[in-house]
Amino acid sequence: MEGQTEEVSLEELKRQLAKFAKERNWDQFHSPRNLLLAMVGEVGELSEIFQWKGEVQRGLPDWEEQEKTHLGEELSDVLLYLIRLSDICGIDLGEAALRKIQLNGTKYPIHRCKPSK
């Protein structure tokens, strides 16, 4: 997987995570509650990266490569726990996300949004 350049689907990540957990006999620990709490901990670690930086520019042009790598690792931790949680709960995360975008489109129609300056 290292150096992979093609897109990775949520389904592929879900399969890889299930395999990873099964090989290590971690399914016994992967209850919805435990996964949620682990994800919250990872969100905390992600937050620490930004804690004292103030606003940052898109693309993080002032960040060192090491900082960006660390950010990618913490973002990945959050994503992986979210995917594992959705799998354990029997939720199709991709389908749920697309549905949520549609609901948000209804809730926030373009004509009622403030135009950009």
Protein backbone atom coordinates (compact mmCIF):
# COMPACT_ATOMS: atom_id res chain seq x y z
CA MET A 1 0.00 0.00 0.00
CA GLU A 2 2.91 2.36 0.62
CA GLY A 3 3.40 4.81 -2.22
CA GLN A 4 -0.08 4.08 -3.55
CA THR A 5 -1.31 6.75 -5.94
CA GLU A 6 -4.77 5.49 -6.90
CA GLU A 7 -7.85 6.51 -4.96
CA VAL A 8 -8.81 4.39 -1.97
CA SER A 9 -12.48 3.72 -1.27
CA LEU A 10 -14.16 3.72 2.11
CA GLU A 11 -15.07 0.09 1.40
CA GLU A 12 -11.40 -0.84 0.92
CA LEU A 13 -10.43 0.92 4.14
CA LYS A 14 -13.28 -0.86 5.94
CA ARG A 15 -12.05 -4.25 4.67
CA GLN A 16 -8.44 -3.50 5.61
CA LEU A 17 -9.44 -2.37 9.11
CA ALA A 18 -11.63 -5.44 9.70
CA LYS A 19 -8.78 -7.71 8.60
CA PHE A 20 -6.26 -5.80 10.74
CA ALA A 21 -8.47 -6.07 13.84
CA LYS A 22 -9.32 -9.75 13.25
CA GLU A 23 -5.64 -10.71 12.83
CA ARG A 24 -4.87 -9.12 16.21
CA ASN A 25 -8.00 -10.44 17.95
CA TRP A 26 -9.12 -6.85 18.61
CA ASP A 27 -12.78 -7.36 17.66
CA GLN A 28 -13.47 -8.11 21.32
CA PHE A 29 -12.47 -4.52 22.16
CA HIS A 30 -14.15 -2.80 19.22
CA SER A 31 -17.51 -1.95 20.73
CA PRO A 32 -19.20 1.22 19.46
CA ARG A 33 -18.47 2.98 22.76
CA ASN A 34 -14.79 2.03 22.80
CA LEU A 35 -14.28 3.05 19.19
CA LEU A 36 -16.04 6.37 19.76
CA LEU A 37 -13.91 7.16 22.80
CA ALA A 38 -10.73 6.20 20.93
CA MET A 39 -11.77 8.48 18.06
CA VAL A 40 -12.44 11.36 20.45
CA GLY A 41 -8.94 10.89 21.85
CA GLU A 42 -7.54 11.09 18.33
CA VAL A 43 -9.55 14.25 17.63
CA GLY A 44 -7.88 15.69 20.72
CA GLU A 45 -4.45 14.83 19.32
CA LEU A 46 -5.45 16.40 16.00
CA SER A 47 -6.58 19.54 17.82
CA GLU A 48 -3.24 19.84 19.59
CA ILE A 49 -1.50 20.30 16.26
CA PHE A 50 -3.47 23.49 15.63
CA GLN A 51 -3.77 24.62 19.25
CA TRP A 52 -1.26 27.49 19.26
CA LYS A 53 -0.95 28.23 15.56
CA GLY A 54 -3.84 30.66 15.18
CA GLU A 55 -5.35 30.73 11.71
CA VAL A 56 -3.36 28.87 9.07
CA GLN A 57 -3.43 29.29 5.31
CA ARG A 58 -4.95 26.69 3.02
CA GLY A 59 -2.37 24.21 1.87
CA LEU A 60 -0.26 24.99 4.95
CA PRO A 61 2.50 26.76 2.98
CA ASP A 62 4.33 27.84 6.16
CA TRP A 63 4.41 24.36 7.66
CA GLU A 64 7.44 22.07 7.59
CA GLU A 65 7.07 18.69 5.90
CA GLN A 66 7.38 16.94 9.26
CA GLU A 67 4.40 18.92 10.58
CA LYS A 68 2.32 18.03 7.52
CA THR A 69 3.25 14.37 7.88
CA HIS A 70 2.18 14.43 11.54
CA LEU A 71 -1.09 16.12 10.58
CA GLY A 72 -1.73 13.42 7.98
CA GLU A 73 -1.17 10.72 10.58
CA GLU A 74 -3.61 12.27 13.05
CA LEU A 75 -6.23 12.90 10.34
CA SER A 76 -5.85 9.27 9.32
CA ASP A 77 -6.33 8.06 12.90
CA VAL A 78 -9.64 9.95 13.11
CA LEU A 79 -10.78 8.69 9.70
CA LEU A 80 -9.88 5.08 10.45
CA TYR A 81 -11.71 5.07 13.78
CA LEU A 82 -14.74 6.67 12.11
CA ILE A 83 -14.79 4.04 9.39
CA ARG A 84 -14.37 1.22 11.91
CA LEU A 85 -17.13 2.66 14.11
CA SER A 86 -19.52 2.93 11.17
CA ASP A 87 -18.73 -0.67 10.17
CA ILE A 88 -19.31 -2.03 13.68
CA CYS A 89 -22.60 -0.08 13.84
CA GLY A 90 -23.71 -1.36 10.43
CA ILE A 91 -23.80 2.08 8.83
CA ASP A 92 -22.76 2.55 5.20
CA LEU A 93 -20.67 5.67 5.78
CA GLY A 94 -20.40 6.63 2.11
CA GLU A 95 -24.16 6.37 1.61
CA ALA A 96 -24.84 8.24 4.86
CA ALA A 97 -22.44 11.03 3.87
CA LEU A 98 -24.04 11.46 0.43
CA ARG A 99 -27.47 11.56 2.04
CA LYS A 100 -26.26 14.18 4.52
CA ILE A 101 -24.95 16.37 1.68
CA GLN A 102 -28.38 16.17 0.05
CA LEU A 103 -30.10 17.05 3.33
CA ASN A 104 -27.73 19.98 3.82
CA GLY A 105 -28.54 21.14 0.28
CA THR A 106 -32.19 21.29 1.22
CA LYS A 107 -31.47 22.92 4.57
CA TYR A 108 -29.08 25.49 3.08
CA PRO A 109 -30.25 26.24 -0.48
CA ILE A 110 -27.86 28.20 -2.67
CA HIS A 111 -30.22 31.15 -3.10
CA ARG A 112 -30.32 31.70 0.69
CA CYS A 113 -26.56 31.63 1.20
CA LYS A 114 -24.59 34.82 1.60
CA PRO A 115 -22.55 35.57 -1.53
CA SER A 116 -18.75 35.57 -1.26
CA LYS A 117 -16.88 38.85 -1.53
